[in-house]
PDB file of N, CA and C in Angstrom:
ATOM      1  N   UNK A   1     121.672  54.880  36.139  1.00  0.00           N
ATOM      2  CA  UNK A   1     121.023  54.829  37.436  1.00  0.00           C
ATOM      3  C   UNK A   1     121.736  55.784  38.387  1.00  0.00           C
ATOM      4  N   UNK A   2     120.959  56.550  39.048  1.00  0.00           N
ATOM      5  CA  UNK A   2     121.545  57.439  40.037  1.00  0.00           C
ATOM      6  C   UNK A   2     121.913  56.637  41.270  1.00  0.00           C
ATOM      7  N   UNK A   3     122.532  57.289  42.187  1.00  0.00           N
ATOM      8  CA  UNK A   3     123.011  56.614  43.400  1.00  0.00           C
ATOM      9  C   UNK A   3     121.857  55.918  44.119  1.00  0.00           C
ATOM     10  N   UNK A   4     121.882  54.598  44.101  1.00  0.00           N
ATOM     11  CA  UNK A   4     120.826  53.852  44.785  1.00  0.00           C
ATOM     12  C   UNK A   4     121.025  53.860  46.289  1.00  0.00           C
ATOM     13  N   UNK A   5     122.263  53.703  46.690  1.00  0.00           N
ATOM     14  CA  UNK A   5     122.561  53.637  48.117  1.00  0.00           C
ATOM     15  C   UNK A   5     123.355  54.876  48.487  1.00  0.00           C
ATOM     16  N   UNK A   6     122.658  55.874  48.925  1.00  0.00           N
ATOM     17  CA  UNK A   6     123.286  57.131  49.279  1.00  0.00           C
ATOM     18  C   UNK A   6     123.661  57.090  50.757  1.00  0.00           C
ATOM     19  N   UNK A   7     124.922  57.317  51.036  1.00  0.00           N
ATOM     20  CA  UNK A   7     125.371  57.326  52.426  1.00  0.00           C
ATOM     21  C   UNK A   7     125.107  58.703  53.018  1.00  0.00           C
ATOM     22  N   UNK A   8     124.557  58.717  54.194  1.00  0.00           N
ATOM     23  CA  UNK A   8     124.323  59.981  54.878  1.00  0.00           C
ATOM     24  C   UNK A   8     124.573  59.790  56.367  1.00  0.00           C
ATOM     25  N   UNK A   9     125.053  60.844  56.967  1.00  0.00           N
ATOM     26  CA  UNK A   9     125.263  60.826  58.414  1.00  0.00           C
ATOM     27  C   UNK A   9     123.984  61.319  59.070  1.00  0.00           C
ATOM     28  N   UNK A  10     123.618  60.692  60.145  1.00  0.00           N
ATOM     29  CA  UNK A  10     122.405  61.124  60.833  1.00  0.00           C
ATOM     30  C   UNK A  10     122.669  61.203  62.327  1.00  0.00           C
ATOM     31  N   UNK A  11     121.972  62.109  62.943  1.00  0.00           N
ATOM     32  CA  UNK A  11     122.033  62.250  64.393  1.00  0.00           C
ATOM     33  C   UNK A  11     120.706  61.780  64.966  1.00  0.00           C
ATOM     34  N   UNK A  12     120.789  61.140  66.086  1.00  0.00           N
ATOM     35  CA  UNK A  12     119.565  60.711  66.750  1.00  0.00           C
ATOM     36  C   UNK A  12     119.022  61.851  67.599  1.00  0.00           C
ATOM     37  N   UNK A  13     117.749  62.070  67.503  1.00  0.00           N
ATOM     38  CA  UNK A  13     117.089  63.103  68.287  1.00  0.00           C
ATOM     39  C   UNK A  13     116.305  62.410  69.395  1.00  0.00           C
ATOM     40  N   UNK A  14     116.759  62.577  70.626  1.00  0.00           N
ATOM     41  CA  UNK A  14     116.134  61.895  71.752  1.00  0.00           C
ATOM     42  C   UNK A  14     115.095  62.770  72.451  1.00  0.00           C
ATOM     43  N   UNK A  15     114.670  63.851  71.832  1.00  0.00           N
ATOM     44  CA  UNK A  15     113.715  64.737  72.497  1.00  0.00           C
ATOM     45  C   UNK A  15     112.329  64.101  72.620  1.00  0.00           C
ATOM     46  N   UNK A  16     111.980  63.213  71.710  1.00  0.00           N
ATOM     47  CA  UNK A  16     110.655  62.587  71.751  1.00  0.00           C
ATOM     48  C   UNK A  16     110.682  61.193  72.361  1.00  0.00           C
ATOM     49  N   UNK A  17     111.806  60.792  72.919  1.00  0.00           N
ATOM     50  CA  UNK A  17     111.951  59.424  73.409  1.00  0.00           C
ATOM     51  C   UNK A  17     110.971  59.103  74.533  1.00  0.00           C
ATOM     52  N   UNK A  18     110.787  60.024  75.468  1.00  0.00           N
ATOM     53  CA  UNK A  18     109.893  59.729  76.595  1.00  0.00           C
ATOM     54  C   UNK A  18     108.440  59.619  76.138  1.00  0.00           C
ATOM     55  N   UNK A  19     108.027  60.459  75.208  1.00  0.00           N
ATOM     56  CA  UNK A  19     106.640  60.354  74.733  1.00  0.00           C
ATOM     57  C   UNK A  19     106.425  59.078  73.928  1.00  0.00           C
ATOM     58  N   UNK A  20     107.440  58.640  73.180  1.00  0.00           N
ATOM     59  CA  UNK A  20     107.330  57.384  72.434  1.00  0.00           C
ATOM     60  C   UNK A  20     107.211  56.214  73.403  1.00  0.00           C
ATOM     61  N   UNK A  21     108.057  56.204  74.441  1.00  0.00           N
ATOM     62  CA  UNK A  21     108.004  55.124  75.424  1.00  0.00           C
ATOM     63  C   UNK A  21     106.688  55.113  76.186  1.00  0.00           C
ATOM     64  N   UNK A  22     106.240  56.288  76.626  1.00  0.00           N
ATOM     65  CA  UNK A  22     104.988  56.355  77.385  1.00  0.00           C
ATOM     66  C   UNK A  22     103.799  55.898  76.555  1.00  0.00           C
ATOM     67  N   UNK A  23     103.769  56.283  75.296  1.00  0.00           N
ATOM     68  CA  UNK A  23     102.672  55.863  74.427  1.00  0.00           C
ATOM     69  C   UNK A  23     102.694  54.363  74.209  1.00  0.00           C
ATOM     70  N   UNK A  24     103.890  53.801  73.991  1.00  0.00           N
ATOM     71  CA  UNK A  24     104.010  52.357  73.795  1.00  0.00           C
ATOM     72  C   UNK A  24     103.597  51.575  75.021  1.00  0.00           C
ATOM     73  N   UNK A  25     104.034  52.027  76.183  1.00  0.00           N
ATOM     74  CA  UNK A  25     103.685  51.329  77.425  1.00  0.00           C
ATOM     75  C   UNK A  25     102.190  51.453  77.708  1.00  0.00           C
ATOM     76  N   UNK A  26     101.627  52.637  77.502  1.00  0.00           N
ATOM     77  CA  UNK A  26     100.194  52.817  77.751  1.00  0.00           C
ATOM     78  C   UNK A  26      99.356  51.932  76.833  1.00  0.00           C
ATOM     79  N   UNK A  27      99.747  51.846  75.578  1.00  0.00           N
ATOM     80  CA  UNK A  27      99.017  50.971  74.654  1.00  0.00           C
ATOM     81  C   UNK A  27      99.157  49.514  75.075  1.00  0.00           C
ATOM     82  N   UNK A  28     100.352  49.127  75.495  1.00  0.00           N
ATOM     83  CA  UNK A  28     100.572  47.747  75.929  1.00  0.00           C
ATOM     84  C   UNK A  28      99.785  47.391  77.168  1.00  0.00           C
ATOM     85  N   UNK A  29      99.727  48.299  78.127  1.00  0.00           N
ATOM     86  CA  UNK A  29      98.977  48.040  79.356  1.00  0.00           C
ATOM     87  C   UNK A  29      97.480  47.965  79.059  1.00  0.00           C
ATOM     88  N   UNK A  30      97.002  48.818  78.165  1.00  0.00           N
ATOM     89  CA  UNK A  30      95.583  48.756  77.794  1.00  0.00           C
ATOM     90  C   UNK A  30      95.251  47.429  77.119  1.00  0.00           C
ATOM     91  N   UNK A  31      96.122  46.981  76.230  1.00  0.00           N
ATOM     92  CA  UNK A  31      95.909  45.686  75.571  1.00  0.00           C
ATOM     93  C   UNK A  31      95.987  44.557  76.587  1.00  0.00           C
ATOM     94  N   UNK A  32      96.932  44.648  77.526  1.00  0.00           N
ATOM     95  CA  UNK A  32      97.085  43.599  78.541  1.00  0.00           C
ATOM     96  C   UNK A  32      95.863  43.527  79.444  1.00  0.00           C
ATOM     97  N   UNK A  33      95.337  44.672  79.845  1.00  0.00           N
ATOM     98  CA  UNK A  33      94.138  44.674  80.688  1.00  0.00           C
ATOM     99  C   UNK A  33      92.936  44.099  79.948  1.00  0.00           C
ATOM    100  N   UNK A  34      92.835  44.385  78.671  1.00  0.00           N
ATOM    101  CA  UNK A  34      91.717  43.872  77.881  1.00  0.00           C
ATOM    102  C   UNK A  34      91.815  42.362  77.688  1.00  0.00           C
ATOM    103  N   UNK A  35      93.051  41.857  77.531  1.00  0.00           N
ATOM    104  CA  UNK A  35      93.223  40.423  77.241  1.00  0.00           C
ATOM    105  C   UNK A  35      93.580  39.597  78.474  1.00  0.00           C
ATOM    106  N   UNK A  36      93.553  40.210  79.659  1.00  0.00           N
ATOM    107  CA  UNK A  36      93.852  39.527  80.923  1.00  0.00           C
ATOM    108  C   UNK A  36      95.242  38.894  80.937  1.00  0.00           C
ATOM    109  N   UNK A  37      96.234  39.624  80.404  1.00  0.00           N
ATOM    110  CA  UNK A  37      97.632  39.180  80.438  1.00  0.00           C
ATOM    111  C   UNK A  37      98.391  40.050  81.430  1.00  0.00           C
ATOM    112  N   UNK A  38      99.664  39.740  81.650  1.00  0.00           N
ATOM    113  CA  UNK A  38     100.486  40.503  82.581  1.00  0.00           C
ATOM    114  C   UNK A  38     100.796  41.887  82.004  1.00  0.00           C
ATOM    115  N   UNK A  39     100.319  42.963  82.656  1.00  0.00           N
ATOM    116  CA  UNK A  39     100.562  44.307  82.123  1.00  0.00           C
ATOM    117  C   UNK A  39     102.037  44.683  82.065  1.00  0.00           C
ATOM    118  N   UNK A  40     102.818  44.213  83.037  1.00  0.00           N
ATOM    119  CA  UNK A  40     104.233  44.572  83.062  1.00  0.00           C
ATOM    120  C   UNK A  40     104.968  43.998  81.850  1.00  0.00           C
ATOM    121  N   UNK A  41     104.727  42.743  81.548  1.00  0.00           N
ATOM    122  CA  UNK A  41     105.403  42.096  80.427  1.00  0.00           C
ATOM    123  C   UNK A  41     104.970  42.693  79.095  1.00  0.00           C
ATOM    124  N   UNK A  42     103.676  42.865  78.905  1.00  0.00           N
ATOM    125  CA  UNK A  42     103.172  43.412  77.648  1.00  0.00           C
ATOM    126  C   UNK A  42     103.606  44.864  77.494  1.00  0.00           C
ATOM    127  N   UNK A  43     103.673  45.615  78.582  1.00  0.00           N
ATOM    128  CA  UNK A  43     104.136  47.001  78.513  1.00  0.00           C
ATOM    129  C   UNK A  43     105.569  47.103  78.050  1.00  0.00           C
ATOM    130  N   UNK A  44     106.430  46.217  78.547  1.00  0.00           N
ATOM    131  CA  UNK A  44     107.832  46.237  78.116  1.00  0.00           C
ATOM    132  C   UNK A  44     107.958  45.828  76.651  1.00  0.00           C
ATOM    133  N   UNK A  45     107.171  44.851  76.228  1.00  0.00           N
ATOM    134  CA  UNK A  45     107.232  44.405  74.831  1.00  0.00           C
ATOM    135  C   UNK A  45     106.782  45.521  73.890  1.00  0.00           C
ATOM    136  N   UNK A  46     105.672  46.185  74.212  1.00  0.00           N
ATOM    137  CA  UNK A  46     105.188  47.239  73.321  1.00  0.00           C
ATOM    138  C   UNK A  46     106.088  48.465  73.341  1.00  0.00           C
ATOM    139  N   UNK A  47     106.753  48.748  74.468  1.00  0.00           N
ATOM    140  CA  UNK A  47     107.712  49.852  74.494  1.00  0.00           C
ATOM    141  C   UNK A  47     108.870  49.556  73.548  1.00  0.00           C
ATOM    142  N   UNK A  48     109.367  48.335  73.581  1.00  0.00           N
ATOM    143  CA  UNK A  48     110.447  47.953  72.667  1.00  0.00           C
ATOM    144  C   UNK A  48     110.012  48.003  71.219  1.00  0.00           C
ATOM    145  N   UNK A  49     108.801  47.535  70.941  1.00  0.00           N
ATOM    146  CA  UNK A  49     108.306  47.567  69.563  1.00  0.00           C
ATOM    147  C   UNK A  49     108.098  48.992  69.065  1.00  0.00           C
ATOM    148  N   UNK A  50     107.634  49.878  69.939  1.00  0.00           N
ATOM    149  CA  UNK A  50     107.436  51.261  69.506  1.00  0.00           C
ATOM    150  C   UNK A  50     108.767  51.942  69.229  1.00  0.00           C
ATOM    151  N   UNK A  51     109.795  51.656  70.039  1.00  0.00           N
ATOM    152  CA  UNK A  51     111.120  52.216  69.765  1.00  0.00           C
ATOM    153  C   UNK A  51     111.706  51.643  68.484  1.00  0.00           C
ATOM    154  N   UNK A  52     111.499  50.355  68.250  1.00  0.00           N
ATOM    155  CA  UNK A  52     111.982  49.729  67.025  1.00  0.00           C
ATOM    156  C   UNK A  52     111.310  50.342  65.802  1.00  0.00           C
ATOM    157  N   UNK A  53     110.010  50.501  65.857  1.00  0.00           N
ATOM    158  CA  UNK A  53     109.291  51.082  64.721  1.00  0.00           C
ATOM    159  C   UNK A  53     109.726  52.520  64.469  1.00  0.00           C
ATOM    160  N   UNK A  54     109.920  53.296  65.532  1.00  0.00           N
ATOM    161  CA  UNK A  54     110.370  54.671  65.379  1.00  0.00           C
ATOM    162  C   UNK A  54     111.756  54.726  64.762  1.00  0.00           C
ATOM    163  N   UNK A  55     112.651  53.856  65.212  1.00  0.00           N
ATOM    164  CA  UNK A  55     113.995  53.811  64.641  1.00  0.00           C
ATOM    165  C   UNK A  55     113.990  53.424  63.183  1.00  0.00           C
ATOM    166  N   UNK A  56     113.141  52.483  62.811  1.00  0.00           N
ATOM    167  CA  UNK A  56     113.059  52.077  61.406  1.00  0.00           C
ATOM    168  C   UNK A  56     112.496  53.188  60.530  1.00  0.00           C
ATOM    169  N   UNK A  57     111.532  53.919  61.035  1.00  0.00           N
ATOM    170  CA  UNK A  57     110.962  55.022  60.261  1.00  0.00           C
ATOM    171  C   UNK A  57     112.002  56.114  60.051  1.00  0.00           C
ATOM    172  N   UNK A  58     112.765  56.438  61.090  1.00  0.00           N
ATOM    173  CA  UNK A  58     113.801  57.461  60.962  1.00  0.00           C
ATOM    174  C   UNK A  58     114.897  56.995  60.017  1.00  0.00           C
ATOM    175  N   UNK A  59     115.284  55.734  60.117  1.00  0.00           N
ATOM    176  CA  UNK A  59     116.341  55.209  59.249  1.00  0.00           C
ATOM    177  C   UNK A  59     115.898  55.139  57.796  1.00  0.00           C
ATOM    178  N   UNK A  60     114.635  54.904  57.541  1.00  0.00           N
ATOM    179  CA  UNK A  60     114.142  54.783  56.174  1.00  0.00           C
ATOM    180  C   UNK A  60     113.839  56.125  55.528  1.00  0.00           C
ATOM    181  N   UNK A  61     113.845  57.167  56.308  1.00  0.00           N
ATOM    182  CA  UNK A  61     113.502  58.482  55.779  1.00  0.00           C
ATOM    183  C   UNK A  61     114.677  59.035  54.984  1.00  0.00           C
ATOM    184  N   UNK A  62     114.503  59.217  53.687  1.00  0.00           N
ATOM    185  CA  UNK A  62     115.572  59.719  52.825  1.00  0.00           C
ATOM    186  C   UNK A  62     115.359  61.166  52.422  1.00  0.00           C
ATOM    187  N   UNK A  63     114.483  61.847  53.077  1.00  0.00           N
ATOM    188  CA  UNK A  63     114.188  63.228  52.743  1.00  0.00           C
ATOM    189  C   UNK A  63     115.355  64.113  53.162  1.00  0.00           C
ATOM    190  N   UNK A  64     116.011  64.822  52.219  1.00  0.00           N
ATOM    191  CA  UNK A  64     117.155  65.656  52.598  1.00  0.00           C
ATOM    192  C   UNK A  64     116.766  66.861  53.437  1.00  0.00           C
ATOM    193  N   UNK A  65     115.498  67.235  53.447  1.00  0.00           N
ATOM    194  CA  UNK A  65     115.053  68.350  54.272  1.00  0.00           C
ATOM    195  C   UNK A  65     114.854  67.953  55.720  1.00  0.00           C
ATOM    196  N   UNK A  66     114.990  66.671  56.022  1.00  0.00           N
ATOM    197  CA  UNK A  66     114.807  66.172  57.381  1.00  0.00           C
ATOM    198  C   UNK A  66     115.919  66.712  58.270  1.00  0.00           C
ATOM    199  N   UNK A  67     115.594  67.090  59.480  1.00  0.00           N
ATOM    200  CA  UNK A  67     116.608  67.638  60.377  1.00  0.00           C
ATOM    201  C   UNK A  67     117.596  66.579  60.859  1.00  0.00           C
ATOM    202  N   UNK A  68     117.273  65.280  60.676  1.00  0.00           N
ATOM    203  CA  UNK A  68     118.184  64.224  61.088  1.00  0.00           C
ATOM    204  C   UNK A  68     119.283  63.996  60.060  1.00  0.00           C
ATOM    205  N   UNK A  69     119.056  64.356  58.826  1.00  0.00           N
ATOM    206  CA  UNK A  69     120.045  64.120  57.766  1.00  0.00           C
ATOM    207  C   UNK A  69     120.965  65.324  57.648  1.00  0.00           C
ATOM    208  N   UNK A  70     122.192  65.060  57.316  1.00  0.00           N
ATOM    209  CA  UNK A  70     123.143  66.161  57.121  1.00  0.00           C
ATOM    210  C   UNK A  70     123.545  66.251  55.691  1.00  0.00           C
TER     211      UNK A  70
END
């Protein structure tokens, strides 16, 4: 078996952070307006979920050609 758990150093790229947050908040506010819930609360929840999902996708990416991997 080849190396199952390959250790790699990664750098976080914060260049897309504002667009990720804005998209998450906009989606949350749209959902909140449709469901008659508090837009502020749902916007914060969806912003956190979008950042979490983005972080998990970056962490799970094992492609050595990725600019985040060294």
